[in-house]
Structures are given as structure tokens and as C-alpha cells.
């Protein structure tokens, strides 16, 4: 999946991938959401992780807009420790309902689009706008942490549904 080069490409990619995932989730109930879809994660676990990443990439951008330098990926984790971070996200979300996680995912998606809309072209597309983003434009951070993750989540959900349907 190429990194979008314009605002329109970024928004189109995020909207398309999210909408495809959301359609796939329409007939996933709480029972099916407990089905294992990748490694030892259920659909619910996978969506909790995707929600966390959407929320946090938006938080990083918002902190950058305020002149802050956010801790990425999260306090107490380095980038090479994302598997441990994701496992901790899953463990923290175990008591949440599937419905609550999907509702939060949709809310964070809306927040993501509003954040993109609030950025000017320089903030969104140029390297060096926010020190925390290093040598990448914010559009790359947003794409990788949202659209790509929605795309892979959809494929995992579809696989579980096919297995259940016997296809």
C-alpha cells in the first residue's frame, strides 16, 4: 500500500479502508468477535489494538500541534517492542465489550478525519513540521497507523467469517 502524496489521497485511502472494514463488521456479533483471527487474538482483540493505534496517532499529532513532543509509541515502550505493547493493549481491553470497542473505533475514526481536516498542507505533507515525526511527513504516520491497519484487520475478519461459513 503506497504512502499517499496528497491530502485527497490520504483521506480517500483512510475512508475506503475504514468503510470496507466497517462493512465487514456489520454482521459480526459478540460471539463471532471472540473467534481467533490472528495468532491468539480474537476479532475483538484485533479491533482493540486498531482502535488504540488510531487514537494514539491522533494524540501524537495533536500534541505536536501544541508544540509538545509525544512519547511514541507509548510510555515504557520502544518501537521494537510493539508486539509487547499490542499484547498489553489486548490484555487491558479484555473486560470491554465488543460493542464498546467497535463504537470506540468508529469514534476514533471520526476524530482522525477531523484532525486531518484541521491540518494545513504543510503540517500534513511536509517533512519536519513536527520534530517527533522525524524524517517522515504526518501523512505517512497517519496512513501506516490507520489505513494499513484497517486493511489488514478486514482481511483477518474476513478469514474468520469464511472459516465459520465453511467457504
C-alpha atoms as a PDB file:
ATOM      1  CA  UNK A   1       0.000   0.000   0.000  1.00  0.00           C
ATOM      2  CA  UNK A   2       1.756   3.190  -1.152  1.00  0.00           C
ATOM      3  CA  UNK A   3       2.046   6.215   1.102  1.00  0.00           C
ATOM      4  CA  UNK A   4      -0.412   8.910  -0.035  1.00  0.00           C
ATOM      5  CA  UNK A   5       1.198  12.015  -1.529  1.00  0.00           C
ATOM      6  CA  UNK A   6      -1.755  14.399  -1.202  1.00  0.00           C
ATOM      7  CA  UNK A   7      -4.468  15.178   1.343  1.00  0.00           C
ATOM      8  CA  UNK A   8      -7.123  13.768  -1.022  1.00  0.00           C
ATOM      9  CA  UNK A   9      -5.183  10.508  -1.493  1.00  0.00           C
ATOM     10  CA  UNK A  10      -4.762  10.167   2.274  1.00  0.00           C
ATOM     11  CA  UNK A  11      -8.409  10.839   3.088  1.00  0.00           C
ATOM     12  CA  UNK A  12      -9.622   8.612   0.258  1.00  0.00           C
ATOM     13  CA  UNK A  13      -7.381   5.768   1.387  1.00  0.00           C
ATOM     14  CA  UNK A  14      -8.390   6.036   5.047  1.00  0.00           C
ATOM     15  CA  UNK A  15     -12.088   6.360   4.238  1.00  0.00           C
ATOM     16  CA  UNK A  16     -12.033   3.464   1.771  1.00  0.00           C
ATOM     17  CA  UNK A  17     -10.177   1.098   4.083  1.00  0.00           C
ATOM     18  CA  UNK A  18     -12.266   2.020   7.110  1.00  0.00           C
ATOM     19  CA  UNK A  19     -15.546   1.667   5.221  1.00  0.00           C
ATOM     20  CA  UNK A  20     -14.533  -1.768   3.935  1.00  0.00           C
ATOM     21  CA  UNK A  21     -13.666  -2.843   7.465  1.00  0.00           C
ATOM     22  CA  UNK A  22     -16.864  -1.365   8.863  1.00  0.00           C
ATOM     23  CA  UNK A  23     -18.973  -3.224   6.272  1.00  0.00           C
ATOM     24  CA  UNK A  24     -17.188  -6.430   7.207  1.00  0.00           C
ATOM     25  CA  UNK A  25     -18.041  -5.816  10.870  1.00  0.00           C
ATOM     26  CA  UNK A  26     -21.773  -5.309  10.235  1.00  0.00           C
ATOM     27  CA  UNK A  27     -22.602  -8.978  10.718  1.00  0.00           C
ATOM     28  CA  UNK A  28     -20.030  -9.755  13.400  1.00  0.00           C
ATOM     29  CA  UNK A  29     -21.777 -10.335  16.694  1.00  0.00           C
ATOM     30  CA  UNK A  30     -20.257 -10.640  20.162  1.00  0.00           C
ATOM     31  CA  UNK A  31     -19.900 -14.412  19.823  1.00  0.00           C
ATOM     32  CA  UNK A  32     -18.138 -14.272  16.461  1.00  0.00           C
ATOM     33  CA  UNK A  33     -15.970 -11.419  17.758  1.00  0.00           C
ATOM     34  CA  UNK A  34     -14.403 -13.918  20.153  1.00  0.00           C
ATOM     35  CA  UNK A  35     -13.222 -16.020  17.205  1.00  0.00           C
ATOM     36  CA  UNK A  36      -9.449 -16.208  16.835  1.00  0.00           C
ATOM     37  CA  UNK A  37      -8.326 -14.291  13.775  1.00  0.00           C
ATOM     38  CA  UNK A  38      -4.565 -13.807  14.077  1.00  0.00           C
ATOM     39  CA  UNK A  39      -2.107 -15.533  16.389  1.00  0.00           C
ATOM     40  CA  UNK A  40      -4.025 -15.787  19.663  1.00  0.00           C
ATOM     41  CA  UNK A  41      -6.085 -12.636  19.141  1.00  0.00           C
ATOM     42  CA  UNK A  42      -9.813 -12.590  18.656  1.00  0.00           C
ATOM     43  CA  UNK A  43     -11.553 -10.158  16.327  1.00  0.00           C
ATOM     44  CA  UNK A  44     -12.367  -8.115  19.415  1.00  0.00           C
ATOM     45  CA  UNK A  45      -8.695  -8.055  20.435  1.00  0.00           C
ATOM     46  CA  UNK A  46      -7.612  -7.058  16.953  1.00  0.00           C
ATOM     47  CA  UNK A  47     -10.083  -4.176  16.892  1.00  0.00           C
ATOM     48  CA  UNK A  48      -8.961  -3.027  20.335  1.00  0.00           C
ATOM     49  CA  UNK A  49      -5.402  -2.772  19.015  1.00  0.00           C
ATOM     50  CA  UNK A  50      -6.517  -0.971  15.846  1.00  0.00           C
ATOM     51  CA  UNK A  51      -8.544   1.448  17.969  1.00  0.00           C
ATOM     52  CA  UNK A  52      -5.558   2.145  20.216  1.00  0.00           C
ATOM     53  CA  UNK A  53      -3.302   2.955  17.252  1.00  0.00           C
ATOM     54  CA  UNK A  54      -5.875   5.246  15.643  1.00  0.00           C
ATOM     55  CA  UNK A  55      -6.411   7.073  18.915  1.00  0.00           C
ATOM     56  CA  UNK A  56      -2.733   7.434  19.658  1.00  0.00           C
ATOM     57  CA  UNK A  57      -1.540   8.600  16.249  1.00  0.00           C
ATOM     58  CA  UNK A  58      -4.172  11.353  16.503  1.00  0.00           C
ATOM     59  CA  UNK A  59      -2.950  12.151  20.023  1.00  0.00           C
ATOM     60  CA  UNK A  60       0.633  12.452  18.713  1.00  0.00           C
ATOM     61  CA  UNK A  61      -0.468  14.851  16.006  1.00  0.00           C
ATOM     62  CA  UNK A  62      -2.496  16.924  18.454  1.00  0.00           C
ATOM     63  CA  UNK A  63       0.415  17.072  20.882  1.00  0.00           C
ATOM     64  CA  UNK A  64       2.706  18.119  18.030  1.00  0.00           C
ATOM     65  CA  UNK A  65       0.301  20.929  17.122  1.00  0.00           C
ATOM     66  CA  UNK A  66       0.640  22.164  20.707  1.00  0.00           C
ATOM     67  CA  UNK A  67       4.437  22.170  20.441  1.00  0.00           C
ATOM     68  CA  UNK A  68       4.836  19.040  22.530  1.00  0.00           C
ATOM     69  CA  UNK A  69       6.989  16.022  21.775  1.00  0.00           C
ATOM     70  CA  UNK A  70       4.818  12.947  22.405  1.00  0.00           C
ATOM     71  CA  UNK A  71       6.272   9.688  23.614  1.00  0.00           C
ATOM     72  CA  UNK A  72       5.975   7.219  20.755  1.00  0.00           C
ATOM     73  CA  UNK A  73       4.807   4.570  20.554  1.00  0.00           C
ATOM     74  CA  UNK A  74       3.863   4.777  24.262  1.00  0.00           C
ATOM     75  CA  UNK A  75       5.441   5.459  27.620  1.00  0.00           C
ATOM     76  CA  UNK A  76       7.572   2.485  28.617  1.00  0.00           C
ATOM     77  CA  UNK A  77       7.785   1.027  25.080  1.00  0.00           C
ATOM     78  CA  UNK A  78      10.257   1.379  22.255  1.00  0.00           C
ATOM     79  CA  UNK A  79       9.336   0.830  18.623  1.00  0.00           C
ATOM     80  CA  UNK A  80      10.945  -2.589  18.590  1.00  0.00           C
ATOM     81  CA  UNK A  81       8.636  -3.523  21.485  1.00  0.00           C
ATOM     82  CA  UNK A  82       5.342  -3.031  19.628  1.00  0.00           C
ATOM     83  CA  UNK A  83       4.455  -6.725  19.994  1.00  0.00           C
ATOM     84  CA  UNK A  84       4.626  -6.294  23.788  1.00  0.00           C
ATOM     85  CA  UNK A  85       2.663  -3.041  23.553  1.00  0.00           C
ATOM     86  CA  UNK A  86      -0.024  -4.689  21.429  1.00  0.00           C
ATOM     87  CA  UNK A  87      -0.238  -7.608  23.869  1.00  0.00           C
ATOM     88  CA  UNK A  88      -0.680  -5.160  26.739  1.00  0.00           C
ATOM     89  CA  UNK A  89      -3.400  -3.318  24.799  1.00  0.00           C
ATOM     90  CA  UNK A  90      -5.211  -6.635  24.315  1.00  0.00           C
ATOM     91  CA  UNK A  91      -4.903  -7.522  27.996  1.00  0.00           C
ATOM     92  CA  UNK A  92      -6.230  -4.109  29.082  1.00  0.00           C
ATOM     93  CA  UNK A  93      -9.215  -4.395  26.753  1.00  0.00           C
ATOM     94  CA  UNK A  94     -10.302  -7.931  27.745  1.00  0.00           C
ATOM     95  CA  UNK A  95     -13.113  -6.704  30.000  1.00  0.00           C
ATOM     96  CA  UNK A  96     -14.520  -4.301  27.414  1.00  0.00           C
ATOM     97  CA  UNK A  97     -17.399  -5.486  25.294  1.00  0.00           C
ATOM     98  CA  UNK A  98     -17.068  -5.991  21.575  1.00  0.00           C
ATOM     99  CA  UNK A  99     -19.772  -3.374  21.022  1.00  0.00           C
ATOM    100  CA  UNK A 100     -17.873  -0.811  23.123  1.00  0.00           C
ATOM    101  CA  UNK A 101     -14.671  -1.440  21.178  1.00  0.00           C
ATOM    102  CA  UNK A 102     -16.385  -1.057  17.794  1.00  0.00           C
ATOM    103  CA  UNK A 103     -18.111   2.119  18.993  1.00  0.00           C
ATOM    104  CA  UNK A 104     -14.752   3.489  20.132  1.00  0.00           C
ATOM    105  CA  UNK A 105     -13.110   2.518  16.826  1.00  0.00           C
ATOM    106  CA  UNK A 106     -15.770   4.450  14.929  1.00  0.00           C
ATOM    107  CA  UNK A 107     -15.378   7.435  17.252  1.00  0.00           C
ATOM    108  CA  UNK A 108     -11.602   7.448  16.824  1.00  0.00           C
ATOM    109  CA  UNK A 109     -12.023   7.202  13.044  1.00  0.00           C
ATOM    110  CA  UNK A 110     -14.221  10.320  13.094  1.00  0.00           C
ATOM    111  CA  UNK A 111     -11.676  12.064  15.292  1.00  0.00           C
ATOM    112  CA  UNK A 112      -8.940  11.056  12.828  1.00  0.00           C
ATOM    113  CA  UNK A 113     -10.776  12.641   9.898  1.00  0.00           C
ATOM    114  CA  UNK A 114     -11.403  15.824  11.904  1.00  0.00           C
ATOM    115  CA  UNK A 115      -7.726  16.006  12.813  1.00  0.00           C
ATOM    116  CA  UNK A 116      -6.655  15.603   9.196  1.00  0.00           C
ATOM    117  CA  UNK A 117      -9.118  18.330   8.239  1.00  0.00           C
ATOM    118  CA  UNK A 118      -7.585  20.644  10.861  1.00  0.00           C
ATOM    119  CA  UNK A 119      -4.067  20.326   9.426  1.00  0.00           C
ATOM    120  CA  UNK A 120      -2.808  22.640   6.735  1.00  0.00           C
ATOM    121  CA  UNK A 121      -0.925  21.237   3.736  1.00  0.00           C
ATOM    122  CA  UNK A 122       2.483  21.919   5.288  1.00  0.00           C
ATOM    123  CA  UNK A 123       1.584  20.220   8.554  1.00  0.00           C
ATOM    124  CA  UNK A 124       0.163  17.211   6.766  1.00  0.00           C
ATOM    125  CA  UNK A 125       2.541  16.660   3.869  1.00  0.00           C
ATOM    126  CA  UNK A 126       5.936  18.189   4.618  1.00  0.00           C
ATOM    127  CA  UNK A 127       8.790  16.564   6.476  1.00  0.00           C
ATOM    128  CA  UNK A 128       9.970  18.336   9.606  1.00  0.00           C
ATOM    129  CA  UNK A 129       6.724  20.015  10.579  1.00  0.00           C
ATOM    130  CA  UNK A 130       6.728  18.223  13.914  1.00  0.00           C
ATOM    131  CA  UNK A 131      10.010  17.196  15.455  1.00  0.00           C
ATOM    132  CA  UNK A 132       8.547  13.981  16.866  1.00  0.00           C
ATOM    133  CA  UNK A 133       7.731  12.720  13.351  1.00  0.00           C
ATOM    134  CA  UNK A 134      11.401  12.571  12.424  1.00  0.00           C
ATOM    135  CA  UNK A 135      12.122  12.243   8.733  1.00  0.00           C
ATOM    136  CA  UNK A 136       8.541  11.464   7.722  1.00  0.00           C
ATOM    137  CA  UNK A 137       5.508  13.610   6.967  1.00  0.00           C
ATOM    138  CA  UNK A 138       2.487  13.316   9.244  1.00  0.00           C
ATOM    139  CA  UNK A 139       0.547  11.832   6.322  1.00  0.00           C
ATOM    140  CA  UNK A 140       2.832   8.772   6.447  1.00  0.00           C
ATOM    141  CA  UNK A 141       2.280   8.322  10.180  1.00  0.00           C
ATOM    142  CA  UNK A 142      -1.468   8.609   9.712  1.00  0.00           C
ATOM    143  CA  UNK A 143      -1.581   6.218   6.771  1.00  0.00           C
ATOM    144  CA  UNK A 144       0.509   3.491   8.387  1.00  0.00           C
ATOM    145  CA  UNK A 145      -1.261   3.639  11.732  1.00  0.00           C
ATOM    146  CA  UNK A 146      -4.793   3.724  10.330  1.00  0.00           C
ATOM    147  CA  UNK A 147      -5.479   2.770   6.707  1.00  0.00           C
ATOM    148  CA  UNK A 148      -2.942  -0.037   6.612  1.00  0.00           C
ATOM    149  CA  UNK A 149      -4.203  -1.387   9.886  1.00  0.00           C
ATOM    150  CA  UNK A 150      -7.832  -1.218   8.765  1.00  0.00           C
ATOM    151  CA  UNK A 151      -6.854  -3.092   5.606  1.00  0.00           C
ATOM    152  CA  UNK A 152      -5.171  -5.940   7.465  1.00  0.00           C
ATOM    153  CA  UNK A 153      -7.928  -6.083  10.082  1.00  0.00           C
ATOM    154  CA  UNK A 154     -10.512  -6.519   7.351  1.00  0.00           C
ATOM    155  CA  UNK A 155      -8.599  -9.435   5.860  1.00  0.00           C
ATOM    156  CA  UNK A 156      -8.380 -11.167   9.246  1.00  0.00           C
ATOM    157  CA  UNK A 157     -12.078 -10.638   9.945  1.00  0.00           C
ATOM    158  CA  UNK A 158     -12.988 -11.972   6.510  1.00  0.00           C
ATOM    159  CA  UNK A 159     -10.858 -15.065   7.115  1.00  0.00           C
ATOM    160  CA  UNK A 160     -12.719 -15.846  10.345  1.00  0.00           C
ATOM    161  CA  UNK A 161     -16.072 -15.351   8.642  1.00  0.00           C
ATOM    162  CA  UNK A 162     -15.078 -17.645   5.771  1.00  0.00           C
ATOM    163  CA  UNK A 163     -13.973 -20.338   8.215  1.00  0.00           C
ATOM    164  CA  UNK A 164     -17.287 -20.107  10.046  1.00  0.00           C
ATOM    165  CA  UNK A 165     -19.239 -20.192   6.788  1.00  0.00           C
ATOM    166  CA  UNK A 166     -17.172 -23.143   5.573  1.00  0.00           C
ATOM    167  CA  UNK A 167     -16.045 -21.374   2.396  1.00  0.00           C
END
